[in-house]
Amino acid sequence: MAKAFYSIPGNLIGTRVDVRADRQLVRVFSRGQLIKVHPRQAPGGRSTDPEDLPSDKTIYAMRDLDKLQRLAAGHGPAIGAYATALLDIPLPWTKMRQVYALLGLVKKWGPERVNAACERALDAEAVNVPLIGRMPERGTERGPDGPAQPVPAGTVVTPRFARDVSHFAVTTGTDEQEEAAG
């Protein structure tokens, strides 16, 4: 109606509806029955009734951050804390897709493994959803000996790709020449 968008109930999508508008209201009819009334919007505007949206899309469409955090926390306390950390920025709705990606990981790997990965990542202050996705994939969400344990001070940790000391041994050119000749 006049270059604006108005929602209708999802069960009527794809069916023919009649619309009547005056200066203040837009009325939507289906088979002669009034089904929806919206306030008239300026061109380019929109009027969306949350009841018209599919239940799984309402949180995202209405930018309901509290409900999204509660949904994440329902899978585990660390998942809820991780979602809160993701959304703790000045424009939190820009990170909603990352929280949905985190919830997708819960479907893929199960809440226990994702909760353990979130707990470990929060301990390391690493708020990065792809990191959480790699941890269950590699089996590192709990660390090598179960839950992640802090490394005691003064402990030397051997790097993963460290070479043996003999690799760096210096040999003289004469030793090699004698072996080649002999």
Protein backbone atom coordinates (compact mmCIF):
# COMPACT_ATOMS: atom_id res chain seq x y z
CA MET A 1 0.00 0.00 0.00
CA ALA A 2 1.67 3.20 -1.16
CA LYS A 3 5.15 1.62 -1.22
CA ALA A 4 5.09 0.41 2.39
CA PHE A 5 5.15 -3.12 3.84
CA TYR A 6 2.54 -4.67 6.13
CA SER A 7 2.59 -8.15 7.68
CA ILE A 8 -0.11 -10.78 7.39
CA PRO A 9 -0.43 -14.09 9.25
CA GLY A 10 1.89 -16.77 7.88
CA ASN A 11 -0.94 -19.13 6.95
CA LEU A 12 -2.13 -16.59 4.35
CA ILE A 13 1.16 -16.29 2.51
CA GLY A 14 0.57 -17.11 -1.15
CA THR A 15 -3.17 -16.47 -0.99
CA ARG A 16 -5.05 -13.49 -2.38
CA VAL A 17 -5.98 -10.79 0.13
CA ASP A 18 -7.83 -7.50 -0.27
CA VAL A 19 -6.41 -4.33 1.21
CA ARG A 20 -8.22 -1.11 1.99
CA ALA A 21 -6.45 1.96 3.25
CA ASP A 22 -7.45 5.38 4.46
CA ARG A 23 -5.26 8.17 5.82
CA GLN A 24 -4.63 6.44 9.14
CA LEU A 25 -5.24 2.70 8.85
CA VAL A 26 -4.60 -0.19 6.48
CA ARG A 27 -7.10 -3.04 6.71
CA VAL A 28 -6.39 -6.49 5.27
CA PHE A 29 -9.26 -8.82 4.33
CA SER A 30 -9.29 -12.48 3.35
CA ARG A 31 -12.47 -13.90 1.83
CA GLY A 32 -14.38 -10.88 3.08
CA GLN A 33 -13.20 -11.26 6.69
CA LEU A 34 -11.05 -8.58 8.37
CA ILE A 35 -7.83 -10.31 9.41
CA LYS A 36 -5.39 -7.50 10.18
CA VAL A 37 -5.33 -3.77 10.87
CA HIS A 38 -2.10 -1.76 10.68
CA PRO A 39 -1.38 1.93 11.18
CA ARG A 40 -0.65 3.57 7.82
CA GLN A 41 3.09 3.89 7.11
CA ALA A 42 4.97 6.43 5.04
CA PRO A 43 6.50 5.19 1.74
CA GLY A 44 9.41 2.87 2.54
CA GLY A 45 8.05 2.13 6.04
CA ARG A 46 6.86 -1.14 7.47
CA SER A 47 4.45 -2.41 10.07
CA THR A 48 5.15 -5.90 11.41
CA ASP A 49 3.05 -7.69 13.97
CA PRO A 50 5.32 -10.16 15.88
CA GLU A 51 2.39 -12.63 15.95
CA ASP A 52 2.57 -12.87 12.14
CA LEU A 53 6.16 -14.16 12.16
CA PRO A 54 7.09 -17.85 12.40
CA SER A 55 7.98 -18.64 16.02
CA ASP A 56 11.58 -19.56 15.14
CA LYS A 57 12.13 -16.19 13.39
CA THR A 58 10.53 -13.87 15.95
CA ILE A 59 13.66 -13.43 18.12
CA TYR A 60 15.81 -12.41 15.17
CA ALA A 61 13.24 -10.25 13.40
CA MET A 62 12.30 -8.35 16.55
CA ARG A 63 15.92 -8.17 17.83
CA ASP A 64 14.93 -9.68 21.16
CA LEU A 65 18.37 -9.99 22.75
CA ASP A 66 17.13 -11.05 26.19
CA LYS A 67 15.16 -13.95 24.75
CA LEU A 68 18.16 -14.98 22.63
CA GLN A 69 20.42 -14.99 25.71
CA ARG A 70 17.89 -17.07 27.65
CA LEU A 71 17.69 -19.51 24.74
CA ALA A 72 21.48 -19.91 24.76
CA ALA A 73 21.62 -20.22 28.56
CA GLY A 74 19.03 -23.00 28.36
CA HIS A 75 21.71 -25.22 26.75
CA GLY A 76 24.30 -24.63 29.48
CA PRO A 77 25.65 -21.92 31.79
CA ALA A 78 28.88 -21.42 29.82
CA ILE A 79 26.95 -21.19 26.54
CA GLY A 80 24.74 -18.50 28.10
CA ALA A 81 27.79 -16.63 29.41
CA TYR A 82 29.45 -16.90 25.99
CA ALA A 83 26.34 -15.52 24.26
CA THR A 84 26.27 -12.66 26.77
CA ALA A 85 29.95 -11.94 26.05
CA LEU A 86 29.21 -11.91 22.31
CA LEU A 87 26.34 -9.48 22.72
CA ASP A 88 28.12 -7.20 25.21
CA ILE A 89 28.97 -4.49 22.65
CA PRO A 90 27.42 -1.10 21.78
CA LEU A 91 25.46 -2.55 18.79
CA PRO A 92 24.59 -6.05 20.08
CA TRP A 93 22.17 -6.96 17.26
CA THR A 94 25.17 -7.02 14.89
CA LYS A 95 26.35 -10.16 16.73
CA MET A 96 23.02 -12.01 16.77
CA ARG A 97 24.04 -14.22 13.85
CA GLN A 98 27.09 -15.35 15.80
CA VAL A 99 24.87 -16.42 18.69
CA TYR A 100 22.71 -18.34 16.19
CA ALA A 101 25.91 -19.97 14.86
CA LEU A 102 26.76 -20.95 18.45
CA LEU A 103 23.29 -22.49 18.82
CA GLY A 104 23.90 -24.35 15.54
CA LEU A 105 27.02 -25.85 17.10
CA VAL A 106 24.86 -27.05 20.00
CA LYS A 107 22.65 -28.90 17.50
CA LYS A 108 25.68 -30.39 15.75
CA TRP A 109 27.87 -31.39 18.72
CA GLY A 110 25.49 -31.47 21.67
CA PRO A 111 25.20 -29.09 24.62
CA GLU A 112 27.78 -30.84 26.83
CA ARG A 113 30.65 -30.53 24.36
CA VAL A 114 29.80 -26.97 23.33
CA ASN A 115 29.36 -25.93 26.96
CA ALA A 116 32.83 -27.36 27.76
CA ALA A 117 34.30 -25.52 24.74
CA CYS A 118 32.65 -22.25 25.81
CA GLU A 119 33.93 -22.70 29.35
CA ARG A 120 37.48 -23.27 28.12
CA ALA A 121 37.31 -20.31 25.69
CA LEU A 122 35.91 -18.01 28.38
CA ASP A 123 38.78 -18.99 30.70
CA ALA A 124 41.18 -17.91 27.94
CA GLU A 125 39.07 -14.78 27.22
CA ALA A 126 38.70 -15.87 23.59
CA VAL A 127 35.28 -14.81 22.31
CA ASN A 128 35.28 -16.26 18.80
CA VAL A 129 32.53 -18.59 17.55
CA PRO A 130 34.66 -20.29 14.84
CA LEU A 131 37.11 -21.22 17.62
CA ILE A 132 34.27 -22.89 19.52
CA GLY A 133 33.38 -24.77 16.33
CA ARG A 134 36.92 -26.08 15.91
CA MET A 135 37.26 -27.30 19.49
CA PRO A 136 34.69 -30.16 19.35
CA GLU A 137 35.79 -30.93 15.79
CA ARG A 138 39.34 -31.54 17.02
CA GLY A 139 38.30 -32.99 20.36
CA THR A 140 40.03 -30.21 22.34
CA GLU A 141 37.04 -28.74 24.16
CA ARG A 142 38.08 -30.37 27.44
CA GLY A 143 41.84 -30.15 27.03
CA PRO A 144 44.23 -33.14 26.96
CA ASP A 145 43.39 -34.35 30.50
CA GLY A 146 39.72 -33.51 30.83
CA PRO A 147 38.71 -29.97 31.79
CA ALA A 148 41.23 -27.27 30.98
CA GLN A 149 43.71 -26.81 33.83
CA PRO A 150 45.85 -23.70 34.32
CA VAL A 151 49.57 -24.23 33.75
CA PRO A 152 51.58 -23.68 36.97
CA ALA A 153 53.98 -20.74 36.91
CA GLY A 154 57.54 -21.63 35.94
CA THR A 155 56.50 -24.65 33.85
CA VAL A 156 58.08 -24.90 30.41
CA VAL A 157 55.53 -26.02 27.87
CA THR A 158 56.99 -27.88 24.89
CA PRO A 159 55.67 -26.36 21.67
CA ARG A 160 53.57 -28.63 19.48
CA PHE A 161 55.94 -28.56 16.48
CA ALA A 162 59.25 -28.31 18.35
CA ARG A 163 62.16 -30.11 16.73
CA ASP A 164 64.52 -32.38 18.56
CA VAL A 165 67.79 -30.75 19.74
CA SER A 166 69.85 -33.08 17.47
CA HIS A 167 68.25 -31.40 14.46
CA PHE A 168 70.25 -28.29 15.22
CA ALA A 169 73.62 -30.06 15.78
CA VAL A 170 76.49 -28.42 13.89
CA THR A 171 78.56 -30.76 11.76
CA THR A 172 81.85 -29.89 10.10
CA GLY A 173 82.31 -30.30 6.39
CA THR A 174 85.22 -32.73 6.90
CA ASP A 175 83.09 -35.31 8.69
CA GLU A 176 80.63 -35.36 5.79
CA GLN A 177 83.43 -35.60 3.21
CA GLU A 178 85.04 -38.55 5.04
CA GLU A 179 81.69 -40.40 5.17
CA ALA A 180 81.11 -39.79 1.46
CA ALA A 181 84.60 -40.99 0.54
CA GLY A 182 84.62 -43.99 2.86
